[in-house]
C-alpha atoms as a PDB file:
ATOM      1  CA  MET A   1     231.125 -68.580   0.063  1.00  0.00           C
ATOM      2  CA  SER A   2     233.016 -66.432   2.535  1.00  0.00           C
ATOM      3  CA  ALA A   3     232.858 -66.678   6.311  1.00  0.00           C
ATOM      4  CA  LEU A   4     230.874 -63.429   6.503  1.00  0.00           C
ATOM      5  CA  GLU A   5     228.211 -64.790   4.153  1.00  0.00           C
ATOM      6  CA  ILE A   6     227.926 -67.993   6.195  1.00  0.00           C
ATOM      7  CA  ILE A   7     227.538 -66.026   9.438  1.00  0.00           C
ATOM      8  CA  LEU A   8     224.924 -63.728   7.862  1.00  0.00           C
ATOM      9  CA  THR A   9     223.038 -66.728   6.493  1.00  0.00           C
ATOM     10  CA  VAL A  10     222.922 -68.399   9.916  1.00  0.00           C
ATOM     11  CA  ILE A  11     221.730 -65.157  11.552  1.00  0.00           C
ATOM     12  CA  HIS A  12     219.163 -64.740   8.764  1.00  0.00           C
ATOM     13  CA  ILE A  13     217.746 -68.223   9.368  1.00  0.00           C
ATOM     14  CA  LEU A  14     217.594 -67.652  13.143  1.00  0.00           C
ATOM     15  CA  LEU A  15     215.778 -64.343  12.621  1.00  0.00           C
ATOM     16  CA  ALA A  16     213.312 -66.027  10.255  1.00  0.00           C
ATOM     17  CA  LEU A  17     212.564 -68.669  12.877  1.00  0.00           C
ATOM     18  CA  GLY A  18     212.220 -65.926  15.492  1.00  0.00           C
ATOM     19  CA  VAL A  19     209.640 -64.091  13.386  1.00  0.00           C
ATOM     20  CA  ILE A  20     207.669 -67.291  12.832  1.00  0.00           C
ATOM     21  CA  VAL A  21     207.664 -68.280  16.510  1.00  0.00           C
ATOM     22  CA  THR A  22     206.770 -64.843  17.880  1.00  0.00           C
ATOM     23  CA  VAL A  23     203.937 -64.349  15.405  1.00  0.00           C
ATOM     24  CA  LEU A  24     202.500 -67.778  16.195  1.00  0.00           C
ATOM     25  CA  LEU A  25     202.691 -67.143  19.952  1.00  0.00           C
ATOM     26  CA  GLN A  26     200.715 -63.895  19.763  1.00  0.00           C
ATOM     27  CA  SER A  27     197.047 -64.095  20.646  1.00  0.00           C
ATOM     28  CA  GLY A  28     194.523 -63.556  17.887  1.00  0.00           C
ATOM     29  CA  LYS A  29     192.292 -60.541  17.572  1.00  0.00           C
ATOM     30  CA  SER A  30     188.568 -60.848  18.276  1.00  0.00           C
ATOM     31  CA  ALA A  31     186.455 -61.211  15.167  1.00  0.00           C
ATOM     32  CA  GLY A  32     183.384 -59.197  14.370  1.00  0.00           C
ATOM     33  CA  LEU A  33     182.267 -55.646  15.016  1.00  0.00           C
ATOM     34  CA  SER A  34     182.241 -55.945  18.801  1.00  0.00           C
ATOM     35  CA  GLY A  35     185.823 -57.147  18.790  1.00  0.00           C
ATOM     36  CA  ALA A  36     186.877 -54.259  16.585  1.00  0.00           C
ATOM     37  CA  ILE A  37     185.247 -51.721  18.888  1.00  0.00           C
ATOM     38  CA  ALA A  38     186.628 -53.293  22.047  1.00  0.00           C
ATOM     39  CA  GLY A  39     190.075 -53.685  20.527  1.00  0.00           C
ATOM     40  CA  GLY A  40     190.172 -50.050  19.487  1.00  0.00           C
ATOM     41  CA  ALA A  41     189.075 -48.900  22.920  1.00  0.00           C
ATOM     42  CA  GLU A  42     191.674 -51.058  24.658  1.00  0.00           C
ATOM     43  CA  THR A  43     194.446 -49.747  22.446  1.00  0.00           C
ATOM     44  CA  PHE A  44     193.243 -46.155  22.848  1.00  0.00           C
ATOM     45  CA  PHE A  45     193.124 -46.351  26.623  1.00  0.00           C
ATOM     46  CA  GLY A  46     196.420 -48.227  26.880  1.00  0.00           C
ATOM     47  CA  LYS A  47     195.227 -51.582  28.214  1.00  0.00           C
ATOM     48  CA  LYS A  48     197.454 -53.649  25.926  1.00  0.00           C
ATOM     49  CA  LYS A  49     199.992 -54.853  28.468  1.00  0.00           C
ATOM     50  CA  GLY A  50     201.955 -57.933  29.294  1.00  0.00           C
ATOM     51  CA  MET A  51     203.038 -60.748  27.056  1.00  0.00           C
ATOM     52  CA  ASP A  52     201.201 -59.586  23.910  1.00  0.00           C
ATOM     53  CA  GLU A  53     202.989 -56.251  23.956  1.00  0.00           C
ATOM     54  CA  PHE A  54     206.344 -57.937  24.538  1.00  0.00           C
ATOM     55  CA  LEU A  55     205.779 -60.422  21.711  1.00  0.00           C
ATOM     56  CA  SER A  56     204.689 -57.610  19.403  1.00  0.00           C
ATOM     57  CA  LYS A  57     207.870 -55.645  20.049  1.00  0.00           C
ATOM     58  CA  LEU A  58     209.990 -58.769  19.786  1.00  0.00           C
ATOM     59  CA  SER A  59     208.464 -59.773  16.444  1.00  0.00           C
ATOM     60  CA  THR A  60     209.024 -56.223  15.160  1.00  0.00           C
ATOM     61  CA  GLY A  61     212.688 -56.467  16.141  1.00  0.00           C
ATOM     62  CA  PHE A  62     213.052 -59.845  14.479  1.00  0.00           C
ATOM     63  CA  ALA A  63     211.372 -58.523  11.316  1.00  0.00           C
ATOM     64  CA  ILE A  64     213.689 -55.503  11.137  1.00  0.00           C
ATOM     65  CA  GLY A  65     216.715 -57.758  11.642  1.00  0.00           C
ATOM     66  CA  PHE A  66     215.416 -60.129   8.975  1.00  0.00           C
ATOM     67  CA  LEU A  67     215.024 -57.243   6.533  1.00  0.00           C
ATOM     68  CA  LEU A  68     218.528 -55.953   7.223  1.00  0.00           C
ATOM     69  CA  THR A  69     220.143 -59.368   6.820  1.00  0.00           C
ATOM     70  CA  SER A  70     218.161 -59.870   3.591  1.00  0.00           C
ATOM     71  CA  LEU A  71     219.566 -56.641   2.216  1.00  0.00           C
ATOM     72  CA  LEU A  72     223.101 -57.474   3.336  1.00  0.00           C
ATOM     73  CA  LEU A  73     222.952 -60.965   1.849  1.00  0.00           C
ATOM     74  CA  SER A  74     221.542 -59.731  -1.444  1.00  0.00           C
ATOM     75  CA  SER A  75     224.242 -57.086  -1.741  1.00  0.00           C
ATOM     76  CA  THR A  76     227.036 -59.552  -0.958  1.00  0.00           C
ATOM     77  CA  LEU A  77     225.686 -62.310  -3.208  1.00  0.00           C
ATOM     78  CA  VAL A  78     225.184 -60.068  -6.243  1.00  0.00           C
ATOM     79  CA  ARG A  79     228.878 -59.179  -6.459  1.00  0.00           C
END
């Protein structure tokens, strides 16, 4: 195993933990029809602010990084 593969593996594991933590920290959506209507109205009128928006963007970034490191590791390990 080369040094590059070890570094990518460590980054991959950290990104996986980042995805897990940020998804678990996000607040849940309201259940039922009233929650669906209220949630749609809040998103439409732009009331989704604060920590939930930050965690959503952060988890998206972690997921994209996780996908990229997965592709890089699979291409280096297949050789």
